[in-house]
């Protein structure tokens, strides 16, 4: 789906479910992984996660568009547009938008990457981030750490 097709879809959903026009821009964001979309308060454009634009996720895409349009229309009418506001909850329920982005397996799981070993006691430390071995030592005996492997 191109940005032009997405723009038309958002305009149609806005008119059909909200009875108002969507007069701003829709953009595709390929870097999103944990959210389905984003509404920008400053210039009122909406970003949609590119991974939901394939045909198999069409129903989820419609729910995401309804969610972002709920933010959009409530913000422009000076009502409660945040997730915790009652106006937002009522309108989102009325139009049938999704409350949360569905999980389609995009969330990254961080794995342990660095294995350190104490040169004195042999204690092993597995860390996700790199450790400055000149600054930090073993927590058990205070000995120097040595980087053994990456994972």
C-alpha atoms as a PDB file:
ATOM      1  CA  UNK A   1       0.000   0.000   0.000  1.00  0.00           C
ATOM      2  CA  UNK A   2       1.379   3.421  -0.941  1.00  0.00           C
ATOM      3  CA  UNK A   3       1.065   6.638   1.047  1.00  0.00           C
ATOM      4  CA  UNK A   4      -1.566   7.918  -1.405  1.00  0.00           C
ATOM      5  CA  UNK A   5      -3.705   4.799  -0.918  1.00  0.00           C
ATOM      6  CA  UNK A   6      -3.252   5.048   2.841  1.00  0.00           C
ATOM      7  CA  UNK A   7      -4.238   8.734   2.737  1.00  0.00           C
ATOM      8  CA  UNK A   8      -7.472   7.851   0.895  1.00  0.00           C
ATOM      9  CA  UNK A   9      -8.198   5.023   3.340  1.00  0.00           C
ATOM     10  CA  UNK A  10      -7.738   7.305   6.360  1.00  0.00           C
ATOM     11  CA  UNK A  11      -9.946   9.979   4.784  1.00  0.00           C
ATOM     12  CA  UNK A  12     -12.669   7.388   4.098  1.00  0.00           C
ATOM     13  CA  UNK A  13     -12.512   5.946   7.624  1.00  0.00           C
ATOM     14  CA  UNK A  14     -12.650   9.457   9.069  1.00  0.00           C
ATOM     15  CA  UNK A  15     -15.763  10.390   7.102  1.00  0.00           C
ATOM     16  CA  UNK A  16     -17.476   7.038   7.637  1.00  0.00           C
ATOM     17  CA  UNK A  17     -16.921   6.565  11.383  1.00  0.00           C
ATOM     18  CA  UNK A  18     -16.348  10.098  12.705  1.00  0.00           C
ATOM     19  CA  UNK A  19     -18.479  12.165  10.297  1.00  0.00           C
ATOM     20  CA  UNK A  20     -15.575  14.622   9.898  1.00  0.00           C
ATOM     21  CA  UNK A  21     -12.902  15.167   7.293  1.00  0.00           C
ATOM     22  CA  UNK A  22      -9.258  14.349   7.813  1.00  0.00           C
ATOM     23  CA  UNK A  23      -7.425  17.373   6.430  1.00  0.00           C
ATOM     24  CA  UNK A  24      -3.824  16.541   7.262  1.00  0.00           C
ATOM     25  CA  UNK A  25      -1.168  14.136   6.075  1.00  0.00           C
ATOM     26  CA  UNK A  26      -0.634  10.428   6.703  1.00  0.00           C
ATOM     27  CA  UNK A  27       2.904   9.050   6.597  1.00  0.00           C
ATOM     28  CA  UNK A  28       4.301   5.527   6.614  1.00  0.00           C
ATOM     29  CA  UNK A  29       6.963   4.844   9.238  1.00  0.00           C
ATOM     30  CA  UNK A  30       9.104   1.776   8.607  1.00  0.00           C
ATOM     31  CA  UNK A  31      11.034   2.100  11.875  1.00  0.00           C
ATOM     32  CA  UNK A  32       8.072   1.487  14.213  1.00  0.00           C
ATOM     33  CA  UNK A  33       8.123  -1.859  15.974  1.00  0.00           C
ATOM     34  CA  UNK A  34       6.083  -1.635  19.172  1.00  0.00           C
ATOM     35  CA  UNK A  35       3.299   0.755  18.128  1.00  0.00           C
ATOM     36  CA  UNK A  36       0.757   0.643  15.357  1.00  0.00           C
ATOM     37  CA  UNK A  37       0.634   4.364  14.767  1.00  0.00           C
ATOM     38  CA  UNK A  38       1.343   7.799  16.141  1.00  0.00           C
ATOM     39  CA  UNK A  39      -0.546  11.115  16.123  1.00  0.00           C
ATOM     40  CA  UNK A  40       1.599  14.262  16.212  1.00  0.00           C
ATOM     41  CA  UNK A  41       0.143  17.117  18.221  1.00  0.00           C
ATOM     42  CA  UNK A  42       2.297  19.836  16.644  1.00  0.00           C
ATOM     43  CA  UNK A  43       1.377  19.488  12.955  1.00  0.00           C
ATOM     44  CA  UNK A  44      -1.507  16.968  13.253  1.00  0.00           C
ATOM     45  CA  UNK A  45      -0.066  14.366  10.900  1.00  0.00           C
ATOM     46  CA  UNK A  46      -0.452  10.660  11.568  1.00  0.00           C
ATOM     47  CA  UNK A  47       2.231   8.000  11.151  1.00  0.00           C
ATOM     48  CA  UNK A  48       1.298   4.371  10.541  1.00  0.00           C
ATOM     49  CA  UNK A  49       3.537   1.347  11.112  1.00  0.00           C
ATOM     50  CA  UNK A  50       4.556   0.002   7.686  1.00  0.00           C
ATOM     51  CA  UNK A  51       4.342  -3.608   8.869  1.00  0.00           C
ATOM     52  CA  UNK A  52       0.537  -3.367   9.151  1.00  0.00           C
ATOM     53  CA  UNK A  53       0.082  -2.334   5.501  1.00  0.00           C
ATOM     54  CA  UNK A  54       0.085  -5.881   4.127  1.00  0.00           C
ATOM     55  CA  UNK A  55      -3.329  -7.386   3.244  1.00  0.00           C
ATOM     56  CA  UNK A  56      -3.286  -9.986   6.043  1.00  0.00           C
ATOM     57  CA  UNK A  57      -3.366  -7.220   8.700  1.00  0.00           C
ATOM     58  CA  UNK A  58      -6.115  -5.116   7.095  1.00  0.00           C
ATOM     59  CA  UNK A  59      -8.555  -5.362  10.038  1.00  0.00           C
ATOM     60  CA  UNK A  60      -5.794  -4.463  12.502  1.00  0.00           C
ATOM     61  CA  UNK A  61      -4.850  -1.514  10.281  1.00  0.00           C
ATOM     62  CA  UNK A  62      -8.423  -0.199  10.374  1.00  0.00           C
ATOM     63  CA  UNK A  63      -8.410  -0.449  14.192  1.00  0.00           C
ATOM     64  CA  UNK A  64      -5.116   1.451  14.355  1.00  0.00           C
ATOM     65  CA  UNK A  65      -6.415   4.158  12.011  1.00  0.00           C
ATOM     66  CA  UNK A  66      -9.544   4.557  14.154  1.00  0.00           C
ATOM     67  CA  UNK A  67      -7.358   4.856  17.253  1.00  0.00           C
ATOM     68  CA  UNK A  68      -5.167   7.590  15.748  1.00  0.00           C
ATOM     69  CA  UNK A  69      -8.178   9.411  14.295  1.00  0.00           C
ATOM     70  CA  UNK A  70      -9.728   9.421  17.763  1.00  0.00           C
ATOM     71  CA  UNK A  71      -6.657  11.275  19.034  1.00  0.00           C
ATOM     72  CA  UNK A  72      -6.827  13.572  16.001  1.00  0.00           C
ATOM     73  CA  UNK A  73     -10.487  14.579  16.193  1.00  0.00           C
ATOM     74  CA  UNK A  74     -10.571  14.987  19.976  1.00  0.00           C
ATOM     75  CA  UNK A  75      -7.427  17.132  19.950  1.00  0.00           C
ATOM     76  CA  UNK A  76      -8.814  19.414  17.237  1.00  0.00           C
ATOM     77  CA  UNK A  77     -12.102  19.831  19.125  1.00  0.00           C
ATOM     78  CA  UNK A  78     -10.237  20.624  22.390  1.00  0.00           C
ATOM     79  CA  UNK A  79     -11.491  17.564  24.253  1.00  0.00           C
ATOM     80  CA  UNK A  80      -9.599  14.902  26.179  1.00  0.00           C
ATOM     81  CA  UNK A  81      -7.418  13.229  23.546  1.00  0.00           C
ATOM     82  CA  UNK A  82      -5.062  11.252  25.831  1.00  0.00           C
ATOM     83  CA  UNK A  83      -5.469   7.555  26.598  1.00  0.00           C
ATOM     84  CA  UNK A  84      -6.512   8.214  30.195  1.00  0.00           C
ATOM     85  CA  UNK A  85      -9.242  10.747  29.299  1.00  0.00           C
ATOM     86  CA  UNK A  86     -12.878   9.685  29.410  1.00  0.00           C
ATOM     87  CA  UNK A  87     -13.659  11.438  26.097  1.00  0.00           C
ATOM     88  CA  UNK A  88     -11.011   9.305  24.398  1.00  0.00           C
ATOM     89  CA  UNK A  89     -12.250   6.047  25.894  1.00  0.00           C
ATOM     90  CA  UNK A  90     -15.880   6.736  24.994  1.00  0.00           C
ATOM     91  CA  UNK A  91     -15.202   7.771  21.387  1.00  0.00           C
ATOM     92  CA  UNK A  92     -12.764   4.920  20.770  1.00  0.00           C
ATOM     93  CA  UNK A  93     -15.330   2.429  22.047  1.00  0.00           C
ATOM     94  CA  UNK A  94     -18.067   4.030  19.930  1.00  0.00           C
ATOM     95  CA  UNK A  95     -16.118   3.800  16.646  1.00  0.00           C
ATOM     96  CA  UNK A  96     -14.653   0.369  17.442  1.00  0.00           C
ATOM     97  CA  UNK A  97     -10.977   1.277  17.350  1.00  0.00           C
ATOM     98  CA  UNK A  98      -8.272  -0.852  18.894  1.00  0.00           C
ATOM     99  CA  UNK A  99      -7.066   0.145  22.342  1.00  0.00           C
ATOM    100  CA  UNK A 100      -3.618  -1.426  21.870  1.00  0.00           C
ATOM    101  CA  UNK A 101      -1.542  -2.311  18.826  1.00  0.00           C
ATOM    102  CA  UNK A 102      -1.740  -6.042  18.149  1.00  0.00           C
ATOM    103  CA  UNK A 103       1.470  -8.008  18.570  1.00  0.00           C
ATOM    104  CA  UNK A 104       2.603  -9.326  15.201  1.00  0.00           C
ATOM    105  CA  UNK A 105       6.036 -10.415  16.380  1.00  0.00           C
ATOM    106  CA  UNK A 106       7.944  -7.167  15.854  1.00  0.00           C
ATOM    107  CA  UNK A 107       8.979  -6.552  19.443  1.00  0.00           C
ATOM    108  CA  UNK A 108      12.675  -7.145  19.789  1.00  0.00           C
ATOM    109  CA  UNK A 109      13.927  -9.253  22.633  1.00  0.00           C
ATOM    110  CA  UNK A 110      17.342  -8.223  23.864  1.00  0.00           C
ATOM    111  CA  UNK A 111      19.723 -11.076  24.343  1.00  0.00           C
ATOM    112  CA  UNK A 112      22.788 -11.215  26.549  1.00  0.00           C
ATOM    113  CA  UNK A 113      25.735 -10.237  24.386  1.00  0.00           C
ATOM    114  CA  UNK A 114      28.887 -10.001  26.508  1.00  0.00           C
ATOM    115  CA  UNK A 115      30.459 -12.610  28.785  1.00  0.00           C
ATOM    116  CA  UNK A 116      33.045 -11.405  31.316  1.00  0.00           C
ATOM    117  CA  UNK A 117      35.170 -13.547  33.644  1.00  0.00           C
ATOM    118  CA  UNK A 118      37.045 -12.415  36.748  1.00  0.00           C
ATOM    119  CA  UNK A 119      40.777 -13.082  36.438  1.00  0.00           C
ATOM    120  CA  UNK A 120      41.097 -13.904  40.172  1.00  0.00           C
ATOM    121  CA  UNK A 121      38.031 -15.885  41.290  1.00  0.00           C
ATOM    122  CA  UNK A 122      36.660 -17.031  37.919  1.00  0.00           C
ATOM    123  CA  UNK A 123      33.175 -15.536  38.507  1.00  0.00           C
ATOM    124  CA  UNK A 124      31.257 -15.138  35.227  1.00  0.00           C
ATOM    125  CA  UNK A 125      29.156 -12.094  34.346  1.00  0.00           C
ATOM    126  CA  UNK A 126      26.757 -11.928  31.407  1.00  0.00           C
ATOM    127  CA  UNK A 127      25.816  -8.415  30.338  1.00  0.00           C
ATOM    128  CA  UNK A 128      23.657  -6.928  27.596  1.00  0.00           C
ATOM    129  CA  UNK A 129      25.826  -3.830  27.350  1.00  0.00           C
ATOM    130  CA  UNK A 130      29.545  -3.539  27.189  1.00  0.00           C
ATOM    131  CA  UNK A 131      31.379  -2.936  30.502  1.00  0.00           C
ATOM    132  CA  UNK A 132      34.429  -0.695  30.891  1.00  0.00           C
ATOM    133  CA  UNK A 133      36.892  -3.246  32.334  1.00  0.00           C
ATOM    134  CA  UNK A 134      39.376  -0.525  33.329  1.00  0.00           C
ATOM    135  CA  UNK A 135      36.776   1.138  35.537  1.00  0.00           C
ATOM    136  CA  UNK A 136      34.718  -1.778  36.894  1.00  0.00           C
ATOM    137  CA  UNK A 137      35.845  -4.949  38.633  1.00  0.00           C
ATOM    138  CA  UNK A 138      34.427  -8.171  39.969  1.00  0.00           C
ATOM    139  CA  UNK A 139      31.564  -7.710  42.415  1.00  0.00           C
ATOM    140  CA  UNK A 140      32.593 -10.743  44.398  1.00  0.00           C
ATOM    141  CA  UNK A 141      36.333 -10.257  44.980  1.00  0.00           C
ATOM    142  CA  UNK A 142      37.201  -6.936  43.296  1.00  0.00           C
ATOM    143  CA  UNK A 143      39.470  -8.571  40.687  1.00  0.00           C
ATOM    144  CA  UNK A 144      39.875  -7.408  37.107  1.00  0.00           C
ATOM    145  CA  UNK A 145      37.354  -8.485  34.481  1.00  0.00           C
ATOM    146  CA  UNK A 146      38.248  -9.970  31.125  1.00  0.00           C
ATOM    147  CA  UNK A 147      35.922 -10.084  28.111  1.00  0.00           C
ATOM    148  CA  UNK A 148      35.634 -13.697  27.008  1.00  0.00           C
ATOM    149  CA  UNK A 149      33.054 -13.756  24.237  1.00  0.00           C
ATOM    150  CA  UNK A 150      30.227 -12.052  22.408  1.00  0.00           C
ATOM    151  CA  UNK A 151      26.859 -13.730  21.877  1.00  0.00           C
END
